[in-house]
Amino acid sequence: MTTEPPTWIKSSYSGSGGSCVEWAPTHASMTGTVPVRDSKNPNGPILNLPTDAFTAFVTGIKDGTLNPL
């Protein structure tokens, strides 16, 4: 079985100040985990979140219950 590298998409919520998050939705649909990384460090660590945890994260950002410090 061949594993293709994730196709990264920058979040539409990322600002122009360089605080950008990228995720790989195609990989998520194949594996059930959502890879997330810092776009400023594409060779850095990747956080693989279960889809329900990623959904909770996005929901918290959208509804304001997850605020930056």
Protein backbone atom coordinates (compact mmCIF):
# COMPACT_ATOMS: atom_id res chain seq x y z
CA MET A 1 0.00 0.00 0.00
CA THR A 2 1.36 3.43 -0.98
CA THR A 3 0.96 6.30 1.43
CA GLU A 4 0.69 9.69 -0.21
CA PRO A 5 1.88 12.77 1.65
CA PRO A 6 -0.90 14.99 2.99
CA THR A 7 -2.19 17.84 0.84
CA TRP A 8 -2.04 20.85 3.13
CA ILE A 9 -4.63 23.65 3.16
CA LYS A 10 -4.18 26.90 5.06
CA SER A 11 -7.04 27.70 7.40
CA SER A 12 -9.41 30.40 6.16
CA TYR A 13 -9.30 31.76 9.72
CA SER A 14 -5.55 32.39 9.61
CA GLY A 15 -4.75 36.06 9.77
CA SER A 16 -2.25 37.98 7.69
CA GLY A 17 0.05 38.31 10.70
CA GLY A 18 1.77 34.97 10.06
CA SER A 19 -0.14 32.94 12.66
CA CYS A 20 -1.26 30.29 10.21
CA VAL A 21 -2.52 26.79 10.72
CA GLU A 22 -2.64 24.20 7.95
CA TRP A 23 -4.63 20.98 7.90
CA ALA A 24 -5.01 18.03 5.54
CA PRO A 25 -8.72 17.24 5.01
CA THR A 26 -8.18 14.51 2.41
CA HIS A 27 -5.89 12.64 4.79
CA ALA A 28 -8.52 13.03 7.49
CA SER A 29 -11.22 11.41 5.40
CA MET A 30 -8.94 8.43 4.70
CA THR A 31 -7.56 7.88 8.22
CA GLY A 32 -9.96 9.40 10.74
CA THR A 33 -7.27 11.73 12.03
CA VAL A 34 -6.71 15.36 11.07
CA PRO A 35 -3.07 16.38 10.59
CA VAL A 36 -2.43 19.97 11.71
CA ARG A 37 0.81 21.95 11.43
CA ASP A 38 2.24 25.46 11.68
CA SER A 39 2.55 26.86 8.16
CA LYS A 40 5.68 28.81 9.16
CA ASN A 41 7.41 25.52 9.97
CA PRO A 42 6.28 22.97 7.35
CA ASN A 43 9.07 20.56 8.29
CA GLY A 44 8.23 20.81 11.98
CA PRO A 45 5.97 18.63 14.07
CA ILE A 46 2.52 17.54 12.93
CA LEU A 47 -0.29 17.15 15.41
CA ASN A 48 -2.66 14.31 14.41
CA LEU A 49 -6.04 14.92 16.03
CA PRO A 50 -8.96 12.49 16.07
CA THR A 51 -11.72 13.95 13.91
CA ASP A 52 -14.02 14.57 16.90
CA ALA A 53 -11.28 16.52 18.72
CA PHE A 54 -10.59 18.61 15.60
CA THR A 55 -14.32 19.32 15.26
CA ALA A 56 -14.47 20.45 18.90
CA PHE A 57 -11.41 22.68 18.35
CA VAL A 58 -12.93 24.37 15.28
CA THR A 59 -16.29 24.77 17.02
CA GLY A 60 -14.59 26.39 20.02
CA ILE A 61 -12.77 28.86 17.79
CA LYS A 62 -15.94 29.75 15.89
CA ASP A 63 -18.19 30.19 18.92
CA GLY A 64 -15.58 32.00 21.02
CA THR A 65 -15.32 29.45 23.83
CA LEU A 66 -11.70 28.72 22.91
CA ASN A 67 -9.89 32.04 23.18
CA PRO A 68 -6.17 32.74 22.86
CA LEU A 69 -4.36 33.69 26.04
